[in-house]
C-alpha atoms as a PDB file:
ATOM      1  CA  MET A   1      95.799  82.903  93.139  1.00  0.00           C
ATOM      2  CA  VAL A   2      97.717  83.537  89.531  1.00  0.00           C
ATOM      3  CA  GLY A   3     100.224  85.892  90.675  1.00  0.00           C
ATOM      4  CA  VAL A   4     102.569  88.490  89.021  1.00  0.00           C
ATOM      5  CA  ARG A   5     106.392  88.527  87.855  1.00  0.00           C
ATOM      6  CA  ALA A   6     107.710  92.095  89.283  1.00  0.00           C
ATOM      7  CA  LEU A   7     110.168  94.015  90.724  1.00  0.00           C
ATOM      8  CA  TYR A   8     110.260  93.748  94.532  1.00  0.00           C
ATOM      9  CA  PHE A   9     112.248  95.484  96.966  1.00  0.00           C
ATOM     10  CA  ASP A  10     113.017  93.126 100.237  1.00  0.00           C
ATOM     11  CA  GLY A  11     114.585  96.756 101.693  1.00  0.00           C
ATOM     12  CA  ARG A  12     117.952  94.717 100.912  1.00  0.00           C
ATOM     13  CA  ARG A  13     118.216  94.742  96.991  1.00  0.00           C
ATOM     14  CA  PRO A  14     115.423  94.749  94.169  1.00  0.00           C
ATOM     15  CA  GLY A  15     114.923  91.269  91.960  1.00  0.00           C
ATOM     16  CA  VAL A  16     112.684  90.450  89.725  1.00  0.00           C
ATOM     17  CA  ALA A  17     110.103  87.852  91.666  1.00  0.00           C
ATOM     18  CA  ASP A  18     107.007  86.176  91.523  1.00  0.00           C
ATOM     19  CA  ARG A  19     104.405  88.073  93.456  1.00  0.00           C
ATOM     20  CA  PRO A  20     100.921  87.367  94.684  1.00  0.00           C
ATOM     21  CA  ASP A  21      98.470  88.856  92.053  1.00  0.00           C
ATOM     22  CA  PRO A  22      96.953  92.266  93.402  1.00  0.00           C
ATOM     23  CA  GLU A  23      92.911  92.249  93.897  1.00  0.00           C
ATOM     24  CA  SER A  24      90.771  94.121  92.631  1.00  0.00           C
ATOM     25  CA  GLY A  25      87.350  95.456  93.865  1.00  0.00           C
ATOM     26  CA  THR A  26      84.449  97.976  94.067  1.00  0.00           C
ATOM     27  CA  ASP A  27      87.100 100.955  94.244  1.00  0.00           C
ATOM     28  CA  MET A  28      90.270  99.721  93.011  1.00  0.00           C
ATOM     29  CA  ALA A  29      90.887  98.368  89.229  1.00  0.00           C
ATOM     30  CA  LEU A  30      93.276  95.770  88.445  1.00  0.00           C
ATOM     31  CA  VAL A  31      95.513  97.501  85.518  1.00  0.00           C
ATOM     32  CA  ARG A  32      97.725  95.233  83.008  1.00  0.00           C
ATOM     33  CA  VAL A  33     101.114  97.424  83.004  1.00  0.00           C
ATOM     34  CA  GLN A  34     102.224  98.304  79.546  1.00  0.00           C
ATOM     35  CA  LEU A  35     105.417 100.245  80.121  1.00  0.00           C
ATOM     36  CA  ALA A  36     106.359 101.893  83.551  1.00  0.00           C
ATOM     37  CA  GLY A  37     109.240 104.587  83.915  1.00  0.00           C
ATOM     38  CA  VAL A  38     112.047 104.711  86.577  1.00  0.00           C
ATOM     39  CA  CYS A  39     112.410 107.436  88.557  1.00  0.00           C
ATOM     40  CA  ASN A  40     114.941 109.079  90.714  1.00  0.00           C
ATOM     41  CA  THR A  41     112.550 108.147  93.693  1.00  0.00           C
ATOM     42  CA  ASP A  42     112.846 104.515  92.526  1.00  0.00           C
ATOM     43  CA  LEU A  43     116.537 104.659  92.637  1.00  0.00           C
ATOM     44  CA  GLU A  44     116.485 106.409  95.949  1.00  0.00           C
ATOM     45  CA  ILE A  45     114.055 103.692  97.561  1.00  0.00           C
ATOM     46  CA  ALA A  46     116.169 100.998  96.305  1.00  0.00           C
ATOM     47  CA  ARG A  47     119.072 102.475  98.540  1.00  0.00           C
ATOM     48  CA  GLY A  48     116.355 102.416 101.586  1.00  0.00           C
ATOM     49  CA  TYR A  49     114.677 105.695 101.080  1.00  0.00           C
ATOM     50  CA  MET A  50     111.633 105.815 102.941  1.00  0.00           C
ATOM     51  CA  GLY A  51     112.027 102.166 104.363  1.00  0.00           C
ATOM     52  CA  PHE A  52     109.792 100.715 101.469  1.00  0.00           C
ATOM     53  CA  ARG A  53     109.172  97.296 101.470  1.00  0.00           C
ATOM     54  CA  GLY A  54     106.935  96.100  98.448  1.00  0.00           C
ATOM     55  CA  ILE A  55     106.977  96.287  94.609  1.00  0.00           C
ATOM     56  CA  LEU A  56     108.654  99.622  93.298  1.00  0.00           C
ATOM     57  CA  GLY A  57     107.135 101.821  90.615  1.00  0.00           C
ATOM     58  CA  HIS A  58     105.009 104.278  90.131  1.00  0.00           C
ATOM     59  CA  GLU A  59     105.028 105.882  86.830  1.00  0.00           C
ATOM     60  CA  PHE A  60     102.638 103.566  84.214  1.00  0.00           C
ATOM     61  CA  VAL A  61     100.500 103.638  81.573  1.00  0.00           C
ATOM     62  CA  GLY A  62      98.124  99.880  81.066  1.00  0.00           C
ATOM     63  CA  VAL A  63      94.832  98.885  79.993  1.00  0.00           C
ATOM     64  CA  VAL A  64      92.402  97.977  83.325  1.00  0.00           C
ATOM     65  CA  GLU A  65      91.492  94.279  83.062  1.00  0.00           C
ATOM     66  CA  GLU A  66      89.099  94.271  86.303  1.00  0.00           C
ATOM     67  CA  GLY A  67      87.090  96.864  88.233  1.00  0.00           C
ATOM     68  CA  PRO A  68      84.070  98.911  87.494  1.00  0.00           C
ATOM     69  CA  GLU A  69      82.575  98.003  83.877  1.00  0.00           C
ATOM     70  CA  ALA A  70      82.084 101.332  82.798  1.00  0.00           C
ATOM     71  CA  TRP A  71      86.954 100.984  82.987  1.00  0.00           C
ATOM     72  CA  ARG A  72      87.008  97.802  81.468  1.00  0.00           C
ATOM     73  CA  GLY A  73      89.416  97.664  78.401  1.00  0.00           C
ATOM     74  CA  ALA A  74      90.313 101.587  79.314  1.00  0.00           C
ATOM     75  CA  ARG A  75      93.851 102.697  78.199  1.00  0.00           C
ATOM     76  CA  VAL A  76      94.895 104.475  81.518  1.00  0.00           C
ATOM     77  CA  VAL A  77      97.421 106.224  83.347  1.00  0.00           C
ATOM     78  CA  GLY A  78      96.979 106.736  87.503  1.00  0.00           C
ATOM     79  CA  GLU A  79      97.853 109.144  90.001  1.00  0.00           C
ATOM     80  CA  VAL A  80     100.049 107.469  92.892  1.00  0.00           C
ATOM     81  CA  ASN A  81      98.406 108.871  96.094  1.00  0.00           C
ATOM     82  CA  PHE A  82      95.879 106.661  97.555  1.00  0.00           C
ATOM     83  CA  ALA A  83      94.213 108.930  99.731  1.00  0.00           C
ATOM     84  CA  CYS A  84      90.932 107.892 102.065  1.00  0.00           C
ATOM     85  CA  GLY A  85      88.999 110.217 100.617  1.00  0.00           C
ATOM     86  CA  ALA A  86      86.721 110.646 104.146  1.00  0.00           C
ATOM     87  CA  CYS A  87      89.473 113.257 105.832  1.00  0.00           C
ATOM     88  CA  GLU A  88      89.628 117.073 106.005  1.00  0.00           C
ATOM     89  CA  ALA A  89      92.420 117.144 103.667  1.00  0.00           C
ATOM     90  CA  CYS A  90      90.460 114.941 101.101  1.00  0.00           C
ATOM     91  CA  SER A  91      87.306 116.808 101.337  1.00  0.00           C
ATOM     92  CA  ALA A  92      89.164 119.937 100.575  1.00  0.00           C
ATOM     93  CA  GLY A  93      90.312 118.165  97.530  1.00  0.00           C
ATOM     94  CA  LEU A  94      94.142 117.725  98.799  1.00  0.00           C
ATOM     95  CA  GLY A  95      93.738 114.040  98.708  1.00  0.00           C
ATOM     96  CA  ARG A  96      97.807 113.874  98.132  1.00  0.00           C
ATOM     97  CA  HIS A  97      98.210 115.727 101.462  1.00  0.00           C
ATOM     98  CA  CYS A  98      95.727 112.707 102.933  1.00  0.00           C
ATOM     99  CA  PRO A  99      97.637 111.996 106.156  1.00  0.00           C
ATOM    100  CA  THR A 100      96.624 108.153 105.822  1.00  0.00           C
ATOM    101  CA  ARG A 101      97.503 108.021 102.040  1.00  0.00           C
ATOM    102  CA  ARG A 102      99.337 105.026 100.635  1.00  0.00           C
ATOM    103  CA  VAL A 103     101.747 105.963  97.815  1.00  0.00           C
ATOM    104  CA  MET A 104     102.160 103.408  94.932  1.00  0.00           C
ATOM    105  CA  GLY A 105     105.846 101.719  95.034  1.00  0.00           C
ATOM    106  CA  ILE A 106     106.685 104.504  97.727  1.00  0.00           C
ATOM    107  CA  LEU A 107     104.693 104.014 100.660  1.00  0.00           C
ATOM    108  CA  GLU A 108     102.649 101.139 101.811  1.00  0.00           C
ATOM    109  CA  ALA A 109     101.581 100.610  98.249  1.00  0.00           C
ATOM    110  CA  ASP A 110     102.952  98.268  95.721  1.00  0.00           C
ATOM    111  CA  GLY A 111     103.895  99.598  92.642  1.00  0.00           C
ATOM    112  CA  ALA A 112     103.724  99.537  88.794  1.00  0.00           C
ATOM    113  CA  PHE A 113     107.052  97.536  88.022  1.00  0.00           C
ATOM    114  CA  ALA A 114     104.837  94.426  87.775  1.00  0.00           C
ATOM    115  CA  GLU A 115     102.665  92.515  84.948  1.00  0.00           C
ATOM    116  CA  ARG A 116      99.526  94.087  87.154  1.00  0.00           C
ATOM    117  CA  VAL A 117      99.128  96.896  89.635  1.00  0.00           C
ATOM    118  CA  ALA A 118      96.445  97.507  91.811  1.00  0.00           C
ATOM    119  CA  VAL A 119      94.734 101.458  91.449  1.00  0.00           C
ATOM    120  CA  PRO A 120      91.941 103.005  92.780  1.00  0.00           C
ATOM    121  CA  VAL A 121      89.626 104.112  90.151  1.00  0.00           C
ATOM    122  CA  ALA A 122      89.418 107.539  91.624  1.00  0.00           C
ATOM    123  CA  ASN A 123      93.118 107.953  90.659  1.00  0.00           C
ATOM    124  CA  LEU A 124      92.646 106.925  86.795  1.00  0.00           C
ATOM    125  CA  HIS A 125      92.595 108.794  84.216  1.00  0.00           C
ATOM    126  CA  ARG A 126      91.917 107.297  80.123  1.00  0.00           C
ATOM    127  CA  VAL A 127      94.686 108.061  78.024  1.00  0.00           C
ATOM    128  CA  PRO A 128      93.787 109.634  74.977  1.00  0.00           C
ATOM    129  CA  GLU A 129      93.407 107.681  71.350  1.00  0.00           C
ATOM    130  CA  GLY A 130      96.688 108.146  69.290  1.00  0.00           C
ATOM    131  CA  LEU A 131      98.771 109.147  72.263  1.00  0.00           C
ATOM    132  CA  ALA A 132     101.559 106.509  72.188  1.00  0.00           C
ATOM    133  CA  ASP A 133     101.997 104.717  75.349  1.00  0.00           C
ATOM    134  CA  ALA A 134     105.627 105.994  75.532  1.00  0.00           C
ATOM    135  CA  ALA A 135     104.376 109.454  75.746  1.00  0.00           C
ATOM    136  CA  ALA A 136     101.718 108.533  78.018  1.00  0.00           C
ATOM    137  CA  VAL A 137     103.755 106.601  80.236  1.00  0.00           C
ATOM    138  CA  PHE A 138     105.561 110.435  81.177  1.00  0.00           C
ATOM    139  CA  THR A 139     102.025 111.646  82.465  1.00  0.00           C
ATOM    140  CA  GLU A 140     102.992 111.456  86.151  1.00  0.00           C
ATOM    141  CA  PRO A 141     106.051 113.434  86.182  1.00  0.00           C
ATOM    142  CA  LEU A 142     105.008 115.888  83.661  1.00  0.00           C
ATOM    143  CA  ALA A 143     101.959 116.519  85.852  1.00  0.00           C
ATOM    144  CA  ALA A 144     104.525 117.464  88.711  1.00  0.00           C
ATOM    145  CA  ALA A 145     105.767 119.767  86.315  1.00  0.00           C
ATOM    146  CA  PHE A 146     102.331 121.480  85.806  1.00  0.00           C
ATOM    147  CA  GLU A 147     101.591 121.501  89.197  1.00  0.00           C
ATOM    148  CA  ILE A 148     104.047 124.817  89.240  1.00  0.00           C
ATOM    149  CA  LEU A 149     101.406 126.822  86.945  1.00  0.00           C
ATOM    150  CA  GLU A 150      98.485 125.569  89.612  1.00  0.00           C
ATOM    151  CA  GLN A 151     100.425 127.324  92.333  1.00  0.00           C
ATOM    152  CA  ILE A 152     102.082 129.967  90.788  1.00  0.00           C
ATOM    153  CA  GLU A 153     100.313 132.734  87.979  1.00  0.00           C
ATOM    154  CA  VAL A 154     103.352 132.556  85.046  1.00  0.00           C
ATOM    155  CA  ASP A 155     103.094 134.870  82.003  1.00  0.00           C
ATOM    156  CA  PRO A 156     105.031 136.128  79.240  1.00  0.00           C
ATOM    157  CA  GLN A 157     106.994 138.886  81.080  1.00  0.00           C
ATOM    158  CA  HIS A 158     108.270 136.325  83.885  1.00  0.00           C
ATOM    159  CA  ARG A 159     111.978 135.586  83.693  1.00  0.00           C
ATOM    160  CA  CYS A 160     112.922 132.288  84.806  1.00  0.00           C
ATOM    161  CA  VAL A 161     115.873 129.958  85.791  1.00  0.00           C
ATOM    162  CA  VAL A 162     115.022 126.261  85.947  1.00  0.00           C
ATOM    163  CA  LEU A 163     118.415 124.242  87.379  1.00  0.00           C
ATOM    164  CA  GLY A 164     118.917 120.849  86.550  1.00  0.00           C
ATOM    165  CA  ASP A 165     118.992 119.341  83.498  1.00  0.00           C
ATOM    166  CA  GLY A 166     117.396 115.724  84.822  1.00  0.00           C
ATOM    167  CA  LYS A 167     114.198 114.539  83.598  1.00  0.00           C
ATOM    168  CA  LEU A 168     112.054 116.740  85.743  1.00  0.00           C
ATOM    169  CA  GLY A 169     114.138 119.955  84.893  1.00  0.00           C
ATOM    170  CA  LEU A 170     113.773 118.962  81.050  1.00  0.00           C
ATOM    171  CA  LEU A 171     110.320 118.624  81.310  1.00  0.00           C
ATOM    172  CA  VAL A 172     109.532 121.950  83.871  1.00  0.00           C
ATOM    173  CA  ALA A 173     111.199 123.877  81.481  1.00  0.00           C
ATOM    174  CA  GLN A 174     109.036 122.812  78.345  1.00  0.00           C
ATOM    175  CA  VAL A 175     106.263 123.856  80.440  1.00  0.00           C
ATOM    176  CA  LEU A 176     107.325 127.331  81.622  1.00  0.00           C
ATOM    177  CA  ALA A 177     107.976 127.998  77.811  1.00  0.00           C
ATOM    178  CA  ASP A 178     104.423 126.587  76.587  1.00  0.00           C
ATOM    179  CA  ALA A 179     103.298 128.898  78.941  1.00  0.00           C
ATOM    180  CA  GLY A 180     104.933 132.032  77.458  1.00  0.00           C
ATOM    181  CA  ALA A 181     107.733 132.506  80.161  1.00  0.00           C
ATOM    182  CA  ARG A 182     111.404 133.266  78.955  1.00  0.00           C
ATOM    183  CA  VAL A 183     112.843 130.453  80.284  1.00  0.00           C
ATOM    184  CA  LEU A 184     116.693 129.918  80.817  1.00  0.00           C
ATOM    185  CA  ALA A 185     118.048 126.165  81.605  1.00  0.00           C
ATOM    186  CA  VAL A 186     121.124 125.924  83.364  1.00  0.00           C
ATOM    187  CA  GLY A 187     122.527 121.943  83.896  1.00  0.00           C
ATOM    188  CA  ARG A 188     125.674 120.055  83.716  1.00  0.00           C
ATOM    189  CA  HIS A 189     125.090 118.299  80.219  1.00  0.00           C
ATOM    190  CA  ASP A 190     125.563 119.993  76.899  1.00  0.00           C
ATOM    191  CA  GLU A 191     123.664 116.664  75.728  1.00  0.00           C
ATOM    192  CA  LYS A 192     121.087 117.244  77.879  1.00  0.00           C
ATOM    193  CA  LEU A 193     120.605 120.606  77.393  1.00  0.00           C
ATOM    194  CA  ALA A 194     120.923 120.087  73.610  1.00  0.00           C
ATOM    195  CA  HIS A 195     117.021 118.617  73.831  1.00  0.00           C
ATOM    196  CA  LEU A 196     115.824 122.298  75.142  1.00  0.00           C
ATOM    197  CA  ALA A 197     118.040 124.328  72.748  1.00  0.00           C
ATOM    198  CA  ALA A 198     115.926 122.550  69.551  1.00  0.00           C
ATOM    199  CA  ARG A 199     112.993 123.642  71.394  1.00  0.00           C
ATOM    200  CA  GLY A 200     114.016 127.216  71.038  1.00  0.00           C
ATOM    201  CA  ILE A 201     114.567 127.740  74.844  1.00  0.00           C
ATOM    202  CA  GLU A 202     117.919 129.272  76.564  1.00  0.00           C
ATOM    203  CA  THR A 203     120.457 127.161  78.067  1.00  0.00           C
ATOM    204  CA  ARG A 204     123.650 127.693  79.726  1.00  0.00           C
ATOM    205  CA  ARG A 205     126.088 125.323  81.601  1.00  0.00           C
ATOM    206  CA  ILE A 206     126.180 125.681  85.172  1.00  0.00           C
ATOM    207  CA  THR A 207     129.988 126.902  85.189  1.00  0.00           C
ATOM    208  CA  ASP A 208     129.028 129.503  82.562  1.00  0.00           C
ATOM    209  CA  PHE A 209     126.224 130.741  85.116  1.00  0.00           C
ATOM    210  CA  ASP A 210     126.513 133.518  87.514  1.00  0.00           C
ATOM    211  CA  ALA A 211     123.369 133.400  89.454  1.00  0.00           C
ATOM    212  CA  SER A 212     123.777 136.435  91.542  1.00  0.00           C
ATOM    213  CA  ALA A 213     123.539 138.136  87.856  1.00  0.00           C
ATOM    214  CA  ALA A 214     120.612 136.354  87.116  1.00  0.00           C
ATOM    215  CA  ARG A 215     117.784 138.168  89.098  1.00  0.00           C
ATOM    216  CA  ALA A 216     114.837 135.798  88.184  1.00  0.00           C
ATOM    217  CA  ASP A 217     111.493 136.386  88.901  1.00  0.00           C
ATOM    218  CA  LEU A 218     110.621 132.564  89.108  1.00  0.00           C
ATOM    219  CA  VAL A 219     113.441 130.132  89.914  1.00  0.00           C
ATOM    220  CA  VAL A 220     112.828 126.560  90.205  1.00  0.00           C
ATOM    221  CA  GLU A 221     115.178 124.316  91.563  1.00  0.00           C
ATOM    222  CA  ALA A 222     115.268 120.965  90.043  1.00  0.00           C
ATOM    223  CA  THR A 223     118.912 119.342  90.757  1.00  0.00           C
ATOM    224  CA  GLY A 224     118.504 117.859  94.245  1.00  0.00           C
ATOM    225  CA  SER A 225     121.521 119.227  95.606  1.00  0.00           C
ATOM    226  CA  ALA A 226     122.591 121.548  98.187  1.00  0.00           C
ATOM    227  CA  ARG A 227     124.478 123.430  95.419  1.00  0.00           C
ATOM    228  CA  GLY A 228     121.595 123.509  93.700  1.00  0.00           C
ATOM    229  CA  LEU A 229     119.415 125.057  96.142  1.00  0.00           C
ATOM    230  CA  GLU A 230     122.316 127.511  97.312  1.00  0.00           C
ATOM    231  CA  GLU A 231     122.660 128.833  93.802  1.00  0.00           C
ATOM    232  CA  ALA A 232     118.471 128.939  93.243  1.00  0.00           C
ATOM    233  CA  LEU A 233     118.607 131.396  96.338  1.00  0.00           C
ATOM    234  CA  ALA A 234     121.395 133.275  95.141  1.00  0.00           C
ATOM    235  CA  ALA A 235     119.615 133.846  90.890  1.00  0.00           C
ATOM    236  CA  THR A 236     116.010 134.693  92.569  1.00  0.00           C
ATOM    237  CA  ARG A 237     115.402 138.479  92.427  1.00  0.00           C
ATOM    238  CA  PRO A 238     113.742 140.461  95.752  1.00  0.00           C
ATOM    239  CA  ARG A 239     110.209 139.240  95.916  1.00  0.00           C
ATOM    240  CA  GLY A 240     110.879 136.993  93.409  1.00  0.00           C
ATOM    241  CA  THR A 241     109.428 133.021  93.713  1.00  0.00           C
ATOM    242  CA  LEU A 242     111.690 130.235  94.192  1.00  0.00           C
ATOM    243  CA  VAL A 243     110.181 127.063  93.513  1.00  0.00           C
ATOM    244  CA  LEU A 244     111.440 123.530  95.495  1.00  0.00           C
ATOM    245  CA  LYS A 245     111.076 120.661  92.624  1.00  0.00           C
ATOM    246  CA  SER A 246     112.840 118.215  94.121  1.00  0.00           C
ATOM    247  CA  THR A 247     114.152 117.267  97.812  1.00  0.00           C
ATOM    248  CA  VAL A 248     117.915 117.654  99.057  1.00  0.00           C
ATOM    249  CA  ALA A 249     119.418 113.980  99.261  1.00  0.00           C
ATOM    250  CA  GLU A 250     122.125 116.084 101.415  1.00  0.00           C
ATOM    251  CA  ARG A 251     121.337 118.626 104.100  1.00  0.00           C
ATOM    252  CA  PRO A 252     121.917 121.836 103.126  1.00  0.00           C
ATOM    253  CA  ALA A 253     123.538 124.687 105.117  1.00  0.00           C
ATOM    254  CA  VAL A 254     122.034 127.386 103.590  1.00  0.00           C
ATOM    255  CA  ASP A 255     121.830 130.913 104.904  1.00  0.00           C
ATOM    256  CA  LEU A 256     118.247 131.748 105.261  1.00  0.00           C
ATOM    257  CA  ALA A 257     118.535 135.569 105.977  1.00  0.00           C
ATOM    258  CA  PRO A 258     118.221 136.518 101.880  1.00  0.00           C
ATOM    259  CA  LEU A 259     114.878 134.685 102.382  1.00  0.00           C
ATOM    260  CA  VAL A 260     113.571 137.697 105.100  1.00  0.00           C
ATOM    261  CA  ILE A 261     115.719 139.965 103.399  1.00  0.00           C
ATOM    262  CA  ASP A 262     114.806 139.696 100.242  1.00  0.00           C
ATOM    263  CA  GLU A 263     111.248 138.986 100.900  1.00  0.00           C
ATOM    264  CA  ILE A 264     111.688 135.556  98.935  1.00  0.00           C
ATOM    265  CA  GLN A 265     108.453 133.535  98.485  1.00  0.00           C
ATOM    266  CA  VAL A 266     109.708 129.627  98.607  1.00  0.00           C
ATOM    267  CA  VAL A 267     107.129 127.365  97.244  1.00  0.00           C
ATOM    268  CA  GLY A 268     107.262 123.465  97.731  1.00  0.00           C
ATOM    269  CA  SER A 269     106.020 121.355  94.369  1.00  0.00           C
ATOM    270  CA  ARG A 270     105.115 117.833  94.391  1.00  0.00           C
ATOM    271  CA  CYS A 271     102.665 115.911  92.486  1.00  0.00           C
ATOM    272  CA  GLY A 272     100.311 117.399  90.151  1.00  0.00           C
ATOM    273  CA  PRO A 273      97.310 117.580  88.182  1.00  0.00           C
ATOM    274  CA  PHE A 274      96.977 114.654  85.200  1.00  0.00           C
ATOM    275  CA  GLU A 275      94.458 116.462  82.824  1.00  0.00           C
ATOM    276  CA  PRO A 276      96.648 119.236  81.498  1.00  0.00           C
ATOM    277  CA  ALA A 277      99.672 116.725  81.494  1.00  0.00           C
ATOM    278  CA  LEU A 278      97.499 114.568  78.830  1.00  0.00           C
ATOM    279  CA  ALA A 279      96.517 117.658  76.992  1.00  0.00           C
ATOM    280  CA  ALA A 280      99.945 119.034  76.021  1.00  0.00           C
ATOM    281  CA  LEU A 281     100.874 115.001  75.469  1.00  0.00           C
ATOM    282  CA  ARG A 282      98.341 114.695  73.015  1.00  0.00           C
ATOM    283  CA  GLU A 283      98.520 118.749  71.126  1.00  0.00           C
ATOM    284  CA  GLY A 284     102.319 117.746  71.002  1.00  0.00           C
ATOM    285  CA  ARG A 285     102.888 120.926  73.027  1.00  0.00           C
ATOM    286  CA  ILE A 286     105.331 118.729  75.481  1.00  0.00           C
ATOM    287  CA  ASP A 287     107.425 115.943  73.587  1.00  0.00           C
ATOM    288  CA  PRO A 288     108.998 113.394  75.746  1.00  0.00           C
ATOM    289  CA  ALA A 289     110.329 111.030  73.135  1.00  0.00           C
ATOM    290  CA  PRO A 290     114.267 112.429  73.049  1.00  0.00           C
ATOM    291  CA  LEU A 291     114.293 111.930  76.988  1.00  0.00           C
ATOM    292  CA  VAL A 292     113.831 108.030  76.950  1.00  0.00           C
ATOM    293  CA  SER A 293     117.595 106.783  76.870  1.00  0.00           C
ATOM    294  CA  ASP A 294     116.397 103.175  76.771  1.00  0.00           C
ATOM    295  CA  THR A 295     113.760 100.027  77.444  1.00  0.00           C
ATOM    296  CA  PHE A 296     114.065  97.255  79.222  1.00  0.00           C
ATOM    297  CA  PRO A 297     111.938  93.815  79.554  1.00  0.00           C
ATOM    298  CA  LEU A 298     110.375  93.669  83.331  1.00  0.00           C
ATOM    299  CA  ALA A 299     112.639  90.292  83.399  1.00  0.00           C
ATOM    300  CA  ARG A 300     115.654  92.690  83.497  1.00  0.00           C
ATOM    301  CA  ALA A 301     114.395  95.093  85.838  1.00  0.00           C
ATOM    302  CA  THR A 302     117.368  95.218  87.936  1.00  0.00           C
ATOM    303  CA  GLN A 303     119.247  95.874  84.820  1.00  0.00           C
ATOM    304  CA  ALA A 304     117.451  99.023  84.252  1.00  0.00           C
ATOM    305  CA  LEU A 305     117.904 100.649  87.455  1.00  0.00           C
ATOM    306  CA  SER A 306     121.579 100.197  87.084  1.00  0.00           C
ATOM    307  CA  ARG A 307     121.259 102.015  83.918  1.00  0.00           C
ATOM    308  CA  ALA A 308     119.229 104.604  85.073  1.00  0.00           C
ATOM    309  CA  GLY A 309     121.750 105.333  87.641  1.00  0.00           C
ATOM    310  CA  GLU A 310     124.381 105.781  85.439  1.00  0.00           C
ATOM    311  CA  PRO A 311     125.665 109.446  84.761  1.00  0.00           C
ATOM    312  CA  GLY A 312     124.143 110.791  81.359  1.00  0.00           C
ATOM    313  CA  VAL A 313     120.696 108.801  81.141  1.00  0.00           C
ATOM    314  CA  LEU A 314     117.372 110.482  81.464  1.00  0.00           C
ATOM    315  CA  LYS A 315     114.522 108.002  81.075  1.00  0.00           C
ATOM    316  CA  VAL A 316     114.467 104.023  81.385  1.00  0.00           C
ATOM    317  CA  LEU A 317     111.336 102.362  80.509  1.00  0.00           C
ATOM    318  CA  LEU A 318     110.173  99.026  81.532  1.00  0.00           C
ATOM    319  CA  ASP A 319     108.175  97.004  78.955  1.00  0.00           C
ATOM    320  CA  CYS A 320     105.798  94.883  81.224  1.00  0.00           C
ATOM    321  CA  ASP A 321     103.956  93.202  78.898  1.00  0.00           C
ATOM    322  CA  THR A 322     107.481  91.105  78.315  1.00  0.00           C
ATOM    323  CA  ALA A 323     108.035  89.739  81.748  1.00  0.00           C
ATOM    324  CA  ARG A 324     107.945  86.235  80.924  1.00  0.00           C
END
């Protein structure tokens, strides 16, 4: 057993350690991880969320080392939900909702903050030639942003408000603008909102935002806060659509009466399709480069988690090719 260096969470604190090498097989590929991205979910898991024990991380780009011949040597990204493939949800093409699914780095499956990770072949997507690893590593969170377009028809007449200027909020705003919608991004940090303003997207600080006057057709809540949920509800016009793009860390005390009175449609939105995300990255329609705040070697992964949790920091990457 060769073993891998990885960021392992034992339920108390994460630390870089030697772990058993993941196994490939007929339906599994062993991927040598090049870059991995630190997500807010990783930070929550390291605080005990989901009760997870194992190797953290679910955003990655790498090269297939073992597995079916057709995939060996391919540069890939991978979907995070490991579905059974046989249940009613899987048969309906909803593997991400498989009741017995495992989730990479989140639920009963080791993740990508490691030299190598095992991924179902069905979850792999080839990275287009010419697309840099530093862009490809954003495929998973960008796919989550594209999920909104899978769920809701967005056209140039839509007035959209995106609440939250974190990594996901910034990607969602770009995706909606790319779809032709009129987007207003609302956040707390001028330096973060500046990334969107540079792309011609209207921005506003939350202190200057009158939610009740917004009357938007589509509002995306990406703050993960109870206050953000209140603002999002207030900003949605009657018969408009409210998309919940992040789980709320605290229990919100929200008056749900406006949902009934104003006949607001509420849509929960989680993981999304990789192909449109890869196409947008390949074509340069979405540019994630300004969102990278820092890159650490895997050997300093604990420092990377600390850095990712600092105020004002956007995406922190792990270079897993320099683990030793």
